[in-house]
Amino acid sequence: MLHEALMICGLIFILPEWITKLSLSDLGSISSLASLLVTIWIAISVRKIKSFYLFTARVPELGRRLRRHSSNLAKYMNDPVSFKERISEEIVAAEVTVTSLQRKLSGREKKNVKDLLTGIRRANKAEFQLSEVREVYLLMIRVNEHLKDLQSDLRWEK
């Protein structure tokens, strides 16, 4: 039937012979698979777009908060005995910021944030060492610099 309809339309000369021998159920199956592939492609594209806008909306704010945490830690490390409580509070607050940041990144940046989170968890104990706090501070600076670079790169992608 399809073969006859295509002959009437004059399309029989354009299409390969195997296409003209397909039944209606074969065409339905092919169309179903094609629509599944298109749906998957659209879902992946929407996810990438969502990630991009989530990144551009939230990451700059989280970067500013992380810079504030690192600035406060630098100030508190000048007199660690007097600011012992404040250092602990700042490390806990930074852990929340870094955890939120980790969910919004991927690749190399996410690995750096994961390293920072590991350092924070190591330093986040009752009797922390100043060297651990200094390591956290340096990791914060590294993550901040990576975020600045990433944000600069994203300006070119728009």
Protein backbone atom coordinates (compact mmCIF):
# COMPACT_ATOMS: atom_id res chain seq x y z
CA MET A 1 0.00 0.00 0.00
CA LEU A 2 2.81 2.42 0.90
CA HIS A 3 4.58 1.44 -2.31
CA GLU A 4 1.52 2.27 -4.38
CA ALA A 5 0.97 5.59 -2.58
CA LEU A 6 4.57 6.59 -3.17
CA MET A 7 4.32 5.66 -6.85
CA ILE A 8 1.29 7.88 -7.20
CA CYS A 9 3.17 10.79 -5.61
CA GLY A 10 6.19 10.25 -7.80
CA LEU A 11 8.46 9.65 -4.81
CA ILE A 12 9.31 6.09 -5.69
CA PHE A 13 12.28 7.27 -7.75
CA ILE A 14 13.77 9.29 -4.89
CA LEU A 15 13.57 6.76 -2.05
CA PRO A 16 15.65 3.59 -1.76
CA GLU A 17 13.76 0.38 -2.41
CA TRP A 18 13.97 -0.93 1.19
CA ILE A 19 12.05 2.10 2.45
CA THR A 20 9.16 1.41 0.09
CA LYS A 21 8.84 -2.13 1.42
CA LEU A 22 8.33 -1.05 5.05
CA SER A 23 4.99 -1.75 6.63
CA LEU A 24 3.04 0.82 8.59
CA SER A 25 4.02 -0.83 11.89
CA ASP A 26 7.70 -0.66 10.86
CA LEU A 27 7.34 3.05 10.18
CA GLY A 28 5.61 3.47 13.55
CA SER A 29 8.45 1.67 15.34
CA ILE A 30 11.09 3.77 13.59
CA SER A 31 9.18 6.95 14.42
CA SER A 32 8.86 5.88 18.04
CA LEU A 33 12.61 5.27 18.34
CA ALA A 34 13.38 8.58 16.64
CA SER A 35 11.07 10.44 19.01
CA LEU A 36 12.72 8.73 21.99
CA LEU A 37 16.15 9.89 20.80
CA VAL A 38 14.88 13.44 20.26
CA THR A 39 13.32 13.43 23.74
CA ILE A 40 16.59 12.30 25.34
CA TRP A 41 18.51 14.97 23.41
CA ILE A 42 16.06 17.67 24.53
CA ALA A 43 16.23 16.51 28.16
CA ILE A 44 20.03 16.69 28.12
CA SER A 45 19.94 20.14 26.51
CA VAL A 46 17.44 21.44 29.07
CA ARG A 47 19.60 20.09 31.88
CA LYS A 48 22.66 21.88 30.48
CA ILE A 49 20.74 25.12 30.14
CA LYS A 50 19.41 24.80 33.69
CA SER A 51 22.91 24.13 35.03
CA PHE A 52 24.30 27.12 33.15
CA TYR A 53 21.70 29.53 34.52
CA LEU A 54 21.90 28.06 38.00
CA PHE A 55 25.65 28.52 37.83
CA THR A 56 25.48 32.10 36.60
CA ALA A 57 22.86 33.01 39.20
CA ARG A 58 24.23 31.35 42.34
CA VAL A 59 27.96 30.78 41.96
CA PRO A 60 28.96 34.48 42.01
CA GLU A 61 27.10 34.92 45.30
CA LEU A 62 28.63 31.77 46.77
CA GLY A 63 32.07 32.96 45.59
CA ARG A 64 31.58 36.26 47.42
CA ARG A 65 30.56 34.39 50.57
CA LEU A 66 33.62 32.15 50.28
CA ARG A 67 35.86 35.21 49.87
CA ARG A 68 34.29 36.71 53.01
CA HIS A 69 34.96 33.45 54.92
CA SER A 70 38.60 33.41 53.78
CA SER A 71 39.02 37.09 54.67
CA ASN A 72 37.60 36.48 58.15
CA LEU A 73 39.85 33.44 58.63
CA ALA A 74 42.90 35.48 57.63
CA LYS A 75 41.98 38.10 60.21
CA TYR A 76 41.33 35.51 62.93
CA MET A 77 44.57 33.62 62.26
CA ASN A 78 46.55 36.68 63.35
CA ASP A 79 45.48 35.97 66.94
CA PRO A 80 44.27 32.35 67.03
CA VAL A 81 44.07 32.16 70.83
CA SER A 82 41.67 35.10 71.13
CA PHE A 83 39.64 34.11 68.07
CA LYS A 84 39.48 30.35 68.64
CA GLU A 85 35.67 30.33 68.83
CA ARG A 86 35.32 32.61 65.83
CA ILE A 87 37.64 30.40 63.77
CA SER A 88 35.45 27.38 64.53
CA GLU A 89 32.29 29.31 63.64
CA GLU A 90 33.81 30.56 60.40
CA ILE A 91 34.91 27.06 59.41
CA VAL A 92 31.38 25.71 59.99
CA ALA A 93 29.84 28.55 57.97
CA ALA A 94 32.37 27.97 55.18
CA GLU A 95 31.50 24.27 55.11
CA VAL A 96 27.86 25.11 54.34
CA THR A 97 28.88 27.50 51.57
CA VAL A 98 31.33 25.01 50.06
CA THR A 99 28.78 22.17 50.18
CA SER A 100 26.31 24.33 48.27
CA LEU A 101 29.01 25.33 45.80
CA GLN A 102 30.02 21.73 45.19
CA ARG A 103 26.55 20.82 43.89
CA LYS A 104 26.73 23.56 41.27
CA LEU A 105 30.13 22.76 39.76
CA SER A 106 31.65 20.03 37.65
CA GLY A 107 35.04 18.91 36.47
CA ARG A 108 38.25 20.42 37.80
CA GLU A 109 36.44 23.07 39.83
CA LYS A 110 34.37 20.43 41.61
CA LYS A 111 37.55 18.51 42.51
CA ASN A 112 39.10 21.64 44.02
CA VAL A 113 35.94 22.29 46.02
CA LYS A 114 35.97 18.66 47.18
CA ASP A 115 39.57 19.09 48.36
CA LEU A 116 38.54 22.23 50.25
CA LEU A 117 35.62 20.39 51.83
CA THR A 118 37.98 17.61 52.95
CA GLY A 119 40.33 20.19 54.50
CA ILE A 120 37.44 21.91 56.26
CA ARG A 121 36.20 18.65 57.72
CA ARG A 122 39.71 17.84 58.90
CA ALA A 123 40.06 21.25 60.57
CA ASN A 124 36.53 21.26 61.97
CA LYS A 125 37.21 19.63 65.31
CA ALA A 126 37.42 20.80 68.91
CA GLU A 127 41.22 21.12 68.99
CA PHE A 128 42.23 22.27 65.52
CA GLN A 129 45.78 23.13 64.61
CA LEU A 130 46.65 26.49 63.12
CA SER A 131 48.36 24.67 60.24
CA GLU A 132 45.03 22.99 59.36
CA VAL A 133 43.26 26.34 59.39
CA ARG A 134 46.00 27.80 57.19
CA GLU A 135 45.59 24.89 54.76
CA VAL A 136 41.83 25.59 54.61
CA TYR A 137 42.55 29.27 53.99
CA LEU A 138 44.91 28.46 51.11
CA LEU A 139 42.41 26.01 49.61
CA MET A 140 39.74 28.74 49.81
CA ILE A 141 42.02 31.07 47.88
CA ARG A 142 42.58 28.37 45.23
CA VAL A 143 38.84 27.75 44.82
CA ASN A 144 38.15 31.50 44.66
CA GLU A 145 40.72 31.94 41.88
CA HIS A 146 39.25 29.03 39.92
CA LEU A 147 35.78 30.54 40.31
CA LYS A 148 37.01 33.90 39.03
CA ASP A 149 38.57 32.22 35.98
CA LEU A 150 35.43 30.19 35.35
CA GLN A 151 33.21 33.26 35.57
CA SER A 152 35.50 35.11 33.16
CA ASP A 153 35.30 32.20 30.72
CA LEU A 154 31.51 32.13 30.96
CA ARG A 155 31.28 35.77 29.91
CA TRP A 156 32.67 34.69 26.53
CA GLU A 157 30.16 31.84 26.19
CA LYS A 158 27.08 34.09 26.35
